[in-house]
Amino acid sequence: MTSSSRGPRSPAPRSAVIKDRFYRDNLAAWDERAPAHARADGYRVERFREDPAYLSDVVGFDIPLLGDVEGLDGVHLQCHIGTDTISLVRRGAHMTGLDFSGESLAQARALAAETGAEVDFVQSDVYDAVAALGRERFDFVFTGIGALCWLPDVRRWAQVVHDLLRPGGFLFIREGHPMLWSMDEEVDDDLVVGFPYFEVPTPITDTHDGSYLPVDTTFTAEVSHSWNHGLGETVMALLDTGMALDLMVEHDSCPWEALPGTMVEDADGEWRLTEGRDRLPLTYTLRVRRSN
């Protein structure tokens, strides 16, 4: 976007400047981490290259709830390096992947080319997805774990989802539970709520030179900003667009060690609390459908 030639613009409101900083910090963090994530064991990129039937843990876990997507047009919002997107292609869907990080999409395109997966990867902010992709283009919208927390406004996201879907289309999401996101993981001897459960304007700002999974490097883009969205806030944001709830399932597991030192990996590859698994929901699966 270029400046107007009609004269100097007024300074942006302070709130807009702050929001731009949140966006820039997050974009820098994801751009720097994407190549390391493609090398990390956690994303199992090599398995995708070696085994044409291999699916990501996220997609594999939810196949019974996702159902048959053979021949459907799908879009994966906030697709990162594309492992879930490619997994959905392997389930027979025609996929588009959207992400704001050019470096993430570079890794996604490389993996798709190496594995023979046909995916249209598009760079865009998720709030601009309708302008970037077109209205009512998709049979389903997919969003994976750890996506919504990077968005400040869940209602705005819900409207984007609605507008991307054709009548009869559905959203399918498995996400970290807002109770999990509210936990203070630095308290390692108990479960302690240390962060907001509900959506608030001010983000949780984290300074960290690593990542959420083991990687082979440290990073200079250390600052990131995230927001929690209560379960009721998320569900009602979607229903208030006119969509209808198909299913809502809360899980006692997640596909990574979200609370280090308090969890154990089970035979299904999911991580659960070592003690008292019924104390805390860790993820949820949600499907809503657009009727008209």
C-alpha atoms as a PDB file:
ATOM      1  CA  MET A   1       0.000   0.000   0.000  1.00  0.00           C
ATOM      2  CA  THR A   2       1.358   3.419  -0.948  1.00  0.00           C
ATOM      3  CA  SER A   3       0.801   6.752   0.750  1.00  0.00           C
ATOM      4  CA  SER A   4      -1.612   9.234  -0.753  1.00  0.00           C
ATOM      5  CA  SER A   5      -0.033  11.924  -2.938  1.00  0.00           C
ATOM      6  CA  ARG A   6      -2.531  14.502  -1.674  1.00  0.00           C
ATOM      7  CA  GLY A   7      -0.479  15.448   1.355  1.00  0.00           C
ATOM      8  CA  PRO A   8       0.851  14.020   4.590  1.00  0.00           C
ATOM      9  CA  ARG A   9      -1.362  11.577   6.440  1.00  0.00           C
ATOM     10  CA  SER A  10      -2.405  12.143  10.017  1.00  0.00           C
ATOM     11  CA  PRO A  11      -0.547  10.007  12.514  1.00  0.00           C
ATOM     12  CA  ALA A  12      -2.213   6.668  13.099  1.00  0.00           C
ATOM     13  CA  PRO A  13      -4.155   6.355  16.350  1.00  0.00           C
ATOM     14  CA  ARG A  14      -2.055   4.931  19.171  1.00  0.00           C
ATOM     15  CA  SER A  15      -4.216   1.778  19.317  1.00  0.00           C
ATOM     16  CA  ALA A  16      -3.614   1.136  15.605  1.00  0.00           C
ATOM     17  CA  VAL A  17       0.135   1.619  16.013  1.00  0.00           C
ATOM     18  CA  ILE A  18       0.173  -0.874  18.875  1.00  0.00           C
ATOM     19  CA  LYS A  19      -1.825  -3.414  16.860  1.00  0.00           C
ATOM     20  CA  ASP A  20       0.570  -3.018  13.940  1.00  0.00           C
ATOM     21  CA  ARG A  21       3.452  -3.745  16.321  1.00  0.00           C
ATOM     22  CA  PHE A  22       1.740  -6.903  17.555  1.00  0.00           C
ATOM     23  CA  TYR A  23       1.299  -8.040  13.956  1.00  0.00           C
ATOM     24  CA  ARG A  24       4.869  -7.221  12.944  1.00  0.00           C
ATOM     25  CA  ASP A  25       6.331  -8.967  15.980  1.00  0.00           C
ATOM     26  CA  ASN A  26       4.317 -12.108  15.331  1.00  0.00           C
ATOM     27  CA  LEU A  27       5.136 -12.117  11.622  1.00  0.00           C
ATOM     28  CA  ALA A  28       8.855 -11.775  12.351  1.00  0.00           C
ATOM     29  CA  ALA A  29       8.661 -14.620  14.867  1.00  0.00           C
ATOM     30  CA  TRP A  30       6.895 -16.996  12.483  1.00  0.00           C
ATOM     31  CA  ASP A  31       9.080 -16.089   9.512  1.00  0.00           C
ATOM     32  CA  GLU A  32      12.201 -16.870  11.517  1.00  0.00           C
ATOM     33  CA  ARG A  33      10.893 -20.109  13.023  1.00  0.00           C
ATOM     34  CA  ALA A  34       9.406 -21.689   9.903  1.00  0.00           C
ATOM     35  CA  PRO A  35      12.658 -23.139   8.477  1.00  0.00           C
ATOM     36  CA  ALA A  36      13.578 -24.551  11.893  1.00  0.00           C
ATOM     37  CA  HIS A  37      10.119 -26.092  12.255  1.00  0.00           C
ATOM     38  CA  ALA A  38      10.547 -27.797   8.882  1.00  0.00           C
ATOM     39  CA  ARG A  39      13.734 -29.403  10.229  1.00  0.00           C
ATOM     40  CA  ALA A  40      12.351 -30.250  13.671  1.00  0.00           C
ATOM     41  CA  ASP A  41      11.306 -33.754  14.652  1.00  0.00           C
ATOM     42  CA  GLY A  42       7.983 -32.492  15.977  1.00  0.00           C
ATOM     43  CA  TYR A  43       6.511 -31.830  12.533  1.00  0.00           C
ATOM     44  CA  ARG A  44       7.838 -35.136  11.143  1.00  0.00           C
ATOM     45  CA  VAL A  45       8.444 -33.618   7.720  1.00  0.00           C
ATOM     46  CA  GLU A  46      10.733 -36.499   6.781  1.00  0.00           C
ATOM     47  CA  ARG A  47       7.883 -38.950   7.368  1.00  0.00           C
ATOM     48  CA  PHE A  48       5.818 -37.061   4.796  1.00  0.00           C
ATOM     49  CA  ARG A  49       8.647 -37.486   2.286  1.00  0.00           C
ATOM     50  CA  GLU A  50       9.154 -41.170   3.055  1.00  0.00           C
ATOM     51  CA  ASP A  51       5.561 -42.386   3.385  1.00  0.00           C
ATOM     52  CA  PRO A  52       2.895 -41.164   0.916  1.00  0.00           C
ATOM     53  CA  ALA A  53       0.151 -42.323   3.305  1.00  0.00           C
ATOM     54  CA  TYR A  54       1.501 -40.556   6.386  1.00  0.00           C
ATOM     55  CA  LEU A  55      -0.820 -38.047   8.090  1.00  0.00           C
ATOM     56  CA  SER A  56      -0.096 -35.378  10.674  1.00  0.00           C
ATOM     57  CA  ASP A  57      -1.000 -36.195  14.263  1.00  0.00           C
ATOM     58  CA  VAL A  58      -3.680 -33.502  14.260  1.00  0.00           C
ATOM     59  CA  VAL A  59      -5.496 -34.778  11.165  1.00  0.00           C
ATOM     60  CA  GLY A  60      -5.012 -38.442  12.065  1.00  0.00           C
ATOM     61  CA  PHE A  61      -6.527 -37.969  15.527  1.00  0.00           C
ATOM     62  CA  ASP A  62      -9.697 -36.352  14.208  1.00  0.00           C
ATOM     63  CA  ILE A  63     -10.479 -38.562  11.200  1.00  0.00           C
ATOM     64  CA  PRO A  64     -13.445 -40.195  13.007  1.00  0.00           C
ATOM     65  CA  LEU A  65     -14.965 -36.750  13.644  1.00  0.00           C
ATOM     66  CA  LEU A  66     -13.882 -35.122  10.386  1.00  0.00           C
ATOM     67  CA  GLY A  67     -15.431 -37.775   8.184  1.00  0.00           C
ATOM     68  CA  ASP A  68     -15.026 -38.138   4.435  1.00  0.00           C
ATOM     69  CA  VAL A  69     -13.574 -35.105   2.625  1.00  0.00           C
ATOM     70  CA  GLU A  70     -12.925 -36.897  -0.674  1.00  0.00           C
ATOM     71  CA  GLY A  71     -13.455 -34.472  -3.562  1.00  0.00           C
ATOM     72  CA  LEU A  72     -14.295 -31.478  -1.340  1.00  0.00           C
ATOM     73  CA  ASP A  73     -12.789 -28.015  -1.760  1.00  0.00           C
ATOM     74  CA  GLY A  74     -11.126 -27.041   1.509  1.00  0.00           C
ATOM     75  CA  VAL A  75      -9.099 -24.148   2.840  1.00  0.00           C
ATOM     76  CA  HIS A  76      -6.695 -24.423   5.758  1.00  0.00           C
ATOM     77  CA  LEU A  77      -6.438 -21.082   7.531  1.00  0.00           C
ATOM     78  CA  GLN A  78      -3.112 -20.329   9.255  1.00  0.00           C
ATOM     79  CA  CYS A  79      -1.570 -23.380   7.587  1.00  0.00           C
ATOM     80  CA  HIS A  80       2.045 -22.690   8.669  1.00  0.00           C
ATOM     81  CA  ILE A  81       4.408 -25.200   6.929  1.00  0.00           C
ATOM     82  CA  GLY A  82       1.522 -27.187   5.458  1.00  0.00           C
ATOM     83  CA  THR A  83       1.711 -30.590   7.145  1.00  0.00           C
ATOM     84  CA  ASP A  84      -1.986 -30.627   8.068  1.00  0.00           C
ATOM     85  CA  THR A  85      -2.877 -29.194   4.656  1.00  0.00           C
ATOM     86  CA  ILE A  86      -1.002 -31.953   2.839  1.00  0.00           C
ATOM     87  CA  SER A  87      -2.585 -34.524   5.140  1.00  0.00           C
ATOM     88  CA  LEU A  88      -6.022 -33.353   4.012  1.00  0.00           C
ATOM     89  CA  VAL A  89      -4.926 -33.689   0.383  1.00  0.00           C
ATOM     90  CA  ARG A  90      -3.976 -37.265   1.219  1.00  0.00           C
ATOM     91  CA  ARG A  91      -7.528 -37.731   2.491  1.00  0.00           C
ATOM     92  CA  GLY A  92      -8.783 -36.728  -0.973  1.00  0.00           C
ATOM     93  CA  ALA A  93      -9.603 -33.045  -0.512  1.00  0.00           C
ATOM     94  CA  HIS A  94      -8.691 -30.260  -2.953  1.00  0.00           C
ATOM     95  CA  MET A  95      -6.836 -27.893  -0.632  1.00  0.00           C
ATOM     96  CA  THR A  96      -5.859 -24.245  -0.437  1.00  0.00           C
ATOM     97  CA  GLY A  97      -3.520 -23.176   2.361  1.00  0.00           C
ATOM     98  CA  LEU A  98      -3.417 -19.613   3.665  1.00  0.00           C
ATOM     99  CA  ASP A  99      -0.869 -18.033   5.997  1.00  0.00           C
ATOM    100  CA  PHE A 100       0.531 -14.562   6.651  1.00  0.00           C
ATOM    101  CA  SER A 101       4.136 -15.800   6.823  1.00  0.00           C
ATOM    102  CA  GLY A 102       5.989 -15.947   3.527  1.00  0.00           C
ATOM    103  CA  GLU A 103       8.701 -18.142   5.052  1.00  0.00           C
ATOM    104  CA  SER A 104       6.111 -20.609   6.320  1.00  0.00           C
ATOM    105  CA  LEU A 105       4.579 -20.812   2.853  1.00  0.00           C
ATOM    106  CA  ALA A 106       8.001 -21.309   1.275  1.00  0.00           C
ATOM    107  CA  GLN A 107       8.465 -24.397   3.448  1.00  0.00           C
ATOM    108  CA  ALA A 108       4.911 -25.557   2.709  1.00  0.00           C
ATOM    109  CA  ARG A 109       5.360 -25.201  -1.045  1.00  0.00           C
ATOM    110  CA  ALA A 110       8.666 -27.074  -0.928  1.00  0.00           C
ATOM    111  CA  LEU A 111       7.135 -29.974   1.000  1.00  0.00           C
ATOM    112  CA  ALA A 112       4.116 -30.115  -1.301  1.00  0.00           C
ATOM    113  CA  ALA A 113       6.418 -30.243  -4.349  1.00  0.00           C
ATOM    114  CA  GLU A 114       8.567 -32.962  -2.786  1.00  0.00           C
ATOM    115  CA  THR A 115       5.561 -35.103  -1.893  1.00  0.00           C
ATOM    116  CA  GLY A 116       3.491 -34.502  -5.027  1.00  0.00           C
ATOM    117  CA  ALA A 117       0.636 -32.806  -3.157  1.00  0.00           C
ATOM    118  CA  GLU A 118      -1.308 -30.269  -5.214  1.00  0.00           C
ATOM    119  CA  VAL A 119      -2.016 -27.322  -2.916  1.00  0.00           C
ATOM    120  CA  ASP A 120      -2.621 -23.671  -3.740  1.00  0.00           C
ATOM    121  CA  PHE A 121      -0.747 -21.755  -1.036  1.00  0.00           C
ATOM    122  CA  VAL A 122      -1.740 -18.096  -0.648  1.00  0.00           C
ATOM    123  CA  GLN A 123      -0.089 -15.446   1.527  1.00  0.00           C
ATOM    124  CA  SER A 124      -2.585 -13.294   3.381  1.00  0.00           C
ATOM    125  CA  ASP A 125      -3.639 -12.197   6.827  1.00  0.00           C
ATOM    126  CA  VAL A 126      -6.517 -14.444   7.896  1.00  0.00           C
ATOM    127  CA  TYR A 127      -8.828 -11.444   8.340  1.00  0.00           C
ATOM    128  CA  ASP A 128      -8.275 -10.643   4.638  1.00  0.00           C
ATOM    129  CA  ALA A 129      -8.933 -14.205   3.494  1.00  0.00           C
ATOM    130  CA  VAL A 130     -12.222 -13.460   1.730  1.00  0.00           C
ATOM    131  CA  ALA A 131     -10.610 -10.729  -0.359  1.00  0.00           C
ATOM    132  CA  ALA A 132      -7.619 -12.961  -1.095  1.00  0.00           C
ATOM    133  CA  LEU A 133      -9.533 -16.150  -1.922  1.00  0.00           C
ATOM    134  CA  GLY A 134     -13.093 -15.227  -2.827  1.00  0.00           C
ATOM    135  CA  ARG A 135     -16.473 -15.457  -1.152  1.00  0.00           C
ATOM    136  CA  GLU A 136     -18.349 -18.785  -0.827  1.00  0.00           C
ATOM    137  CA  ARG A 137     -15.546 -20.777  -2.457  1.00  0.00           C
ATOM    138  CA  PHE A 138     -15.120 -23.721  -0.118  1.00  0.00           C
ATOM    139  CA  ASP A 139     -16.925 -26.808   1.118  1.00  0.00           C
ATOM    140  CA  PHE A 140     -15.004 -26.728   4.370  1.00  0.00           C
ATOM    141  CA  VAL A 141     -12.655 -24.545   6.382  1.00  0.00           C
ATOM    142  CA  PHE A 142     -10.017 -26.287   8.487  1.00  0.00           C
ATOM    143  CA  THR A 143      -8.097 -24.734  11.374  1.00  0.00           C
ATOM    144  CA  GLY A 144      -5.563 -26.694  13.418  1.00  0.00           C
ATOM    145  CA  ILE A 145      -4.142 -26.502  16.908  1.00  0.00           C
ATOM    146  CA  GLY A 146      -2.460 -23.291  18.017  1.00  0.00           C
ATOM    147  CA  ALA A 147      -4.027 -20.970  15.447  1.00  0.00           C
ATOM    148  CA  LEU A 148      -6.781 -18.931  17.106  1.00  0.00           C
ATOM    149  CA  CYS A 149      -4.505 -17.681  19.872  1.00  0.00           C
ATOM    150  CA  TRP A 150      -2.650 -15.483  17.357  1.00  0.00           C
ATOM    151  CA  LEU A 151      -5.846 -13.606  16.460  1.00  0.00           C
ATOM    152  CA  PRO A 152      -7.096 -10.718  18.616  1.00  0.00           C
ATOM    153  CA  ASP A 153     -10.785 -10.886  17.636  1.00  0.00           C
ATOM    154  CA  VAL A 154     -12.597 -14.231  17.428  1.00  0.00           C
ATOM    155  CA  ARG A 155     -15.851 -12.685  16.155  1.00  0.00           C
ATOM    156  CA  ARG A 156     -14.103 -11.150  13.189  1.00  0.00           C
ATOM    157  CA  TRP A 157     -12.532 -14.550  12.445  1.00  0.00           C
ATOM    158  CA  ALA A 158     -15.923 -16.266  12.669  1.00  0.00           C
ATOM    159  CA  GLN A 159     -17.372 -13.952  10.026  1.00  0.00           C
ATOM    160  CA  VAL A 160     -14.439 -14.711   7.718  1.00  0.00           C
ATOM    161  CA  VAL A 161     -15.126 -18.434   8.129  1.00  0.00           C
ATOM    162  CA  HIS A 162     -18.811 -17.954   7.325  1.00  0.00           C
ATOM    163  CA  ASP A 163     -18.064 -15.891   4.236  1.00  0.00           C
ATOM    164  CA  LEU A 164     -15.534 -18.383   2.849  1.00  0.00           C
ATOM    165  CA  LEU A 165     -18.003 -21.266   3.042  1.00  0.00           C
ATOM    166  CA  ARG A 166     -20.529 -22.246   0.438  1.00  0.00           C
ATOM    167  CA  PRO A 167     -24.047 -22.855   1.726  1.00  0.00           C
ATOM    168  CA  GLY A 168     -23.954 -26.294   3.331  1.00  0.00           C
ATOM    169  CA  GLY A 169     -20.215 -26.033   3.988  1.00  0.00           C
ATOM    170  CA  PHE A 170     -18.651 -26.569   7.381  1.00  0.00           C
ATOM    171  CA  LEU A 171     -15.856 -25.425   9.648  1.00  0.00           C
ATOM    172  CA  PHE A 172     -13.753 -28.109  11.319  1.00  0.00           C
ATOM    173  CA  ILE A 173     -11.348 -27.091  14.033  1.00  0.00           C
ATOM    174  CA  ARG A 174      -9.296 -28.849  16.666  1.00  0.00           C
ATOM    175  CA  GLU A 175      -7.747 -26.282  18.953  1.00  0.00           C
ATOM    176  CA  GLY A 176      -6.020 -25.903  22.261  1.00  0.00           C
ATOM    177  CA  HIS A 177      -8.626 -25.529  24.971  1.00  0.00           C
ATOM    178  CA  PRO A 178      -8.805 -22.023  26.443  1.00  0.00           C
ATOM    179  CA  MET A 179      -8.285 -23.583  29.882  1.00  0.00           C
ATOM    180  CA  LEU A 180      -4.957 -24.964  28.645  1.00  0.00           C
ATOM    181  CA  TRP A 181      -3.944 -21.577  27.254  1.00  0.00           C
ATOM    182  CA  SER A 182      -4.741 -19.977  30.614  1.00  0.00           C
ATOM    183  CA  MET A 183      -2.348 -22.277  32.499  1.00  0.00           C
ATOM    184  CA  ASP A 184       1.000 -20.956  33.757  1.00  0.00           C
ATOM    185  CA  GLU A 185       3.345 -23.695  32.508  1.00  0.00           C
ATOM    186  CA  GLU A 186       6.265 -22.313  34.515  1.00  0.00           C
ATOM    187  CA  VAL A 187       4.593 -23.546  37.696  1.00  0.00           C
ATOM    188  CA  ASP A 188       5.665 -27.197  37.506  1.00  0.00           C
ATOM    189  CA  ASP A 189       4.260 -28.603  40.754  1.00  0.00           C
ATOM    190  CA  ASP A 190       0.556 -27.886  40.219  1.00  0.00           C
ATOM    191  CA  LEU A 191      -1.997 -26.616  37.707  1.00  0.00           C
ATOM    192  CA  VAL A 192      -2.187 -22.852  38.096  1.00  0.00           C
ATOM    193  CA  VAL A 193      -4.371 -20.451  36.097  1.00  0.00           C
ATOM    194  CA  GLY A 194      -2.042 -17.562  35.386  1.00  0.00           C
ATOM    195  CA  PHE A 195      -3.435 -15.958  32.235  1.00  0.00           C
ATOM    196  CA  PRO A 196      -6.827 -14.718  30.990  1.00  0.00           C
ATOM    197  CA  TYR A 197      -9.415 -17.297  29.984  1.00  0.00           C
ATOM    198  CA  PHE A 198     -11.598 -14.777  28.163  1.00  0.00           C
ATOM    199  CA  GLU A 199     -10.677 -12.603  25.183  1.00  0.00           C
ATOM    200  CA  VAL A 200      -9.247  -9.277  26.323  1.00  0.00           C
ATOM    201  CA  PRO A 201      -7.826  -6.431  24.198  1.00  0.00           C
ATOM    202  CA  THR A 202      -4.334  -6.596  25.672  1.00  0.00           C
ATOM    203  CA  PRO A 203      -2.405  -9.659  24.489  1.00  0.00           C
ATOM    204  CA  ILE A 204      -0.186 -11.981  26.441  1.00  0.00           C
ATOM    205  CA  THR A 205       3.312 -10.902  25.388  1.00  0.00           C
ATOM    206  CA  ASP A 206       6.023 -13.534  25.518  1.00  0.00           C
ATOM    207  CA  THR A 207       9.775 -13.078  25.132  1.00  0.00           C
ATOM    208  CA  HIS A 208      11.448 -16.330  24.151  1.00  0.00           C
ATOM    209  CA  ASP A 209      14.349 -17.172  21.833  1.00  0.00           C
ATOM    210  CA  GLY A 210      13.162 -20.757  21.302  1.00  0.00           C
ATOM    211  CA  SER A 211       9.976 -22.397  20.086  1.00  0.00           C
ATOM    212  CA  TYR A 212       7.120 -24.550  21.354  1.00  0.00           C
ATOM    213  CA  LEU A 213       9.001 -27.671  20.256  1.00  0.00           C
ATOM    214  CA  PRO A 214      12.702 -28.550  20.283  1.00  0.00           C
ATOM    215  CA  VAL A 215      14.587 -26.868  17.439  1.00  0.00           C
ATOM    216  CA  ASP A 216      18.213 -26.699  16.352  1.00  0.00           C
ATOM    217  CA  THR A 217      18.692 -22.953  16.746  1.00  0.00           C
ATOM    218  CA  THR A 218      17.873 -19.871  18.778  1.00  0.00           C
ATOM    219  CA  PHE A 219      16.050 -16.887  17.335  1.00  0.00           C
ATOM    220  CA  THR A 220      16.502 -13.129  17.291  1.00  0.00           C
ATOM    221  CA  ALA A 221      12.749 -12.467  16.843  1.00  0.00           C
ATOM    222  CA  GLU A 222      11.994 -13.173  20.482  1.00  0.00           C
ATOM    223  CA  VAL A 223       8.749 -11.273  21.094  1.00  0.00           C
ATOM    224  CA  SER A 224       5.284 -12.625  20.282  1.00  0.00           C
ATOM    225  CA  HIS A 225       1.733 -11.713  21.276  1.00  0.00           C
ATOM    226  CA  SER A 226      -1.284 -13.981  21.750  1.00  0.00           C
ATOM    227  CA  TRP A 227      -4.897 -13.821  22.893  1.00  0.00           C
ATOM    228  CA  ASN A 228      -7.142 -16.382  24.535  1.00  0.00           C
ATOM    229  CA  HIS A 229     -10.760 -16.924  23.481  1.00  0.00           C
ATOM    230  CA  GLY A 230     -13.204 -18.574  25.865  1.00  0.00           C
ATOM    231  CA  LEU A 231     -15.030 -21.629  24.610  1.00  0.00           C
ATOM    232  CA  GLY A 232     -18.405 -19.919  24.830  1.00  0.00           C
ATOM    233  CA  GLU A 233     -17.045 -16.830  23.074  1.00  0.00           C
ATOM    234  CA  THR A 234     -15.748 -18.945  20.205  1.00  0.00           C
ATOM    235  CA  VAL A 235     -18.870 -21.058  19.775  1.00  0.00           C
ATOM    236  CA  MET A 236     -21.243 -18.098  19.979  1.00  0.00           C
ATOM    237  CA  ALA A 237     -19.141 -16.033  17.586  1.00  0.00           C
ATOM    238  CA  LEU A 238     -19.700 -18.767  15.002  1.00  0.00           C
ATOM    239  CA  LEU A 239     -23.388 -19.327  15.785  1.00  0.00           C
ATOM    240  CA  ASP A 240     -24.099 -15.602  15.654  1.00  0.00           C
ATOM    241  CA  THR A 241     -23.114 -15.604  11.970  1.00  0.00           C
ATOM    242  CA  GLY A 242     -26.096 -17.917  11.370  1.00  0.00           C
ATOM    243  CA  MET A 243     -24.168 -21.172  11.327  1.00  0.00           C
ATOM    244  CA  ALA A 244     -25.345 -24.238  13.267  1.00  0.00           C
ATOM    245  CA  LEU A 245     -23.425 -26.481  15.648  1.00  0.00           C
ATOM    246  CA  ASP A 246     -22.757 -30.029  14.429  1.00  0.00           C
ATOM    247  CA  LEU A 247     -20.493 -31.272  17.210  1.00  0.00           C
ATOM    248  CA  MET A 248     -18.418 -30.124  20.145  1.00  0.00           C
ATOM    249  CA  VAL A 249     -15.990 -32.493  21.891  1.00  0.00           C
ATOM    250  CA  GLU A 250     -13.506 -31.661  24.647  1.00  0.00           C
ATOM    251  CA  HIS A 251     -10.415 -33.874  24.942  1.00  0.00           C
ATOM    252  CA  ASP A 252      -8.109 -34.760  27.829  1.00  0.00           C
ATOM    253  CA  SER A 253      -5.154 -34.863  25.427  1.00  0.00           C
ATOM    254  CA  CYS A 254      -3.100 -32.790  23.011  1.00  0.00           C
ATOM    255  CA  PRO A 255      -0.486 -33.765  20.403  1.00  0.00           C
ATOM    256  CA  TRP A 256       2.500 -32.153  22.160  1.00  0.00           C
ATOM    257  CA  GLU A 257       3.862 -31.799  25.701  1.00  0.00           C
ATOM    258  CA  ALA A 258       1.973 -28.618  26.493  1.00  0.00           C
ATOM    259  CA  LEU A 259       2.729 -28.613  30.226  1.00  0.00           C
ATOM    260  CA  PRO A 260       6.283 -29.925  30.549  1.00  0.00           C
ATOM    261  CA  GLY A 261       6.975 -32.122  33.546  1.00  0.00           C
ATOM    262  CA  THR A 262       3.310 -32.913  34.211  1.00  0.00           C
ATOM    263  CA  MET A 263       2.454 -35.016  31.153  1.00  0.00           C
ATOM    264  CA  VAL A 264       3.115 -38.415  29.608  1.00  0.00           C
ATOM    265  CA  GLU A 265       2.880 -39.499  25.971  1.00  0.00           C
ATOM    266  CA  ASP A 266       0.442 -42.362  25.453  1.00  0.00           C
ATOM    267  CA  ALA A 267       0.466 -45.078  22.801  1.00  0.00           C
ATOM    268  CA  ASP A 268      -1.743 -43.010  20.494  1.00  0.00           C
ATOM    269  CA  GLY A 269       0.895 -40.242  20.339  1.00  0.00           C
ATOM    270  CA  GLU A 270      -1.239 -37.894  22.443  1.00  0.00           C
ATOM    271  CA  TRP A 271       0.030 -36.253  25.639  1.00  0.00           C
ATOM    272  CA  ARG A 272      -2.074 -36.418  28.807  1.00  0.00           C
ATOM    273  CA  LEU A 273      -1.635 -35.349  32.402  1.00  0.00           C
ATOM    274  CA  THR A 274       0.334 -37.884  34.369  1.00  0.00           C
ATOM    275  CA  GLU A 275      -2.036 -37.511  37.328  1.00  0.00           C
ATOM    276  CA  GLY A 276      -5.664 -36.459  37.505  1.00  0.00           C
ATOM    277  CA  ARG A 277      -6.472 -36.414  33.804  1.00  0.00           C
ATOM    278  CA  ASP A 278     -10.041 -35.422  34.516  1.00  0.00           C
ATOM    279  CA  ARG A 279      -8.930 -32.070  36.005  1.00  0.00           C
ATOM    280  CA  LEU A 280      -8.248 -30.190  32.779  1.00  0.00           C
ATOM    281  CA  PRO A 281      -9.484 -30.219  29.167  1.00  0.00           C
ATOM    282  CA  LEU A 282      -6.486 -29.819  26.859  1.00  0.00           C
ATOM    283  CA  THR A 283      -8.020 -29.544  23.381  1.00  0.00           C
ATOM    284  CA  TYR A 284     -11.426 -29.455  21.754  1.00  0.00           C
ATOM    285  CA  THR A 285     -12.908 -30.362  18.382  1.00  0.00           C
ATOM    286  CA  LEU A 286     -15.674 -28.214  16.938  1.00  0.00           C
ATOM    287  CA  ARG A 287     -17.689 -28.438  13.742  1.00  0.00           C
ATOM    288  CA  VAL A 288     -20.265 -25.896  12.634  1.00  0.00           C
ATOM    289  CA  ARG A 289     -22.169 -25.763   9.368  1.00  0.00           C
ATOM    290  CA  ARG A 290     -23.405 -22.917   7.193  1.00  0.00           C
ATOM    291  CA  SER A 291     -27.006 -23.582   6.182  1.00  0.00           C
ATOM    292  CA  ASN A 292     -27.535 -20.777   3.678  1.00  0.00           C
END
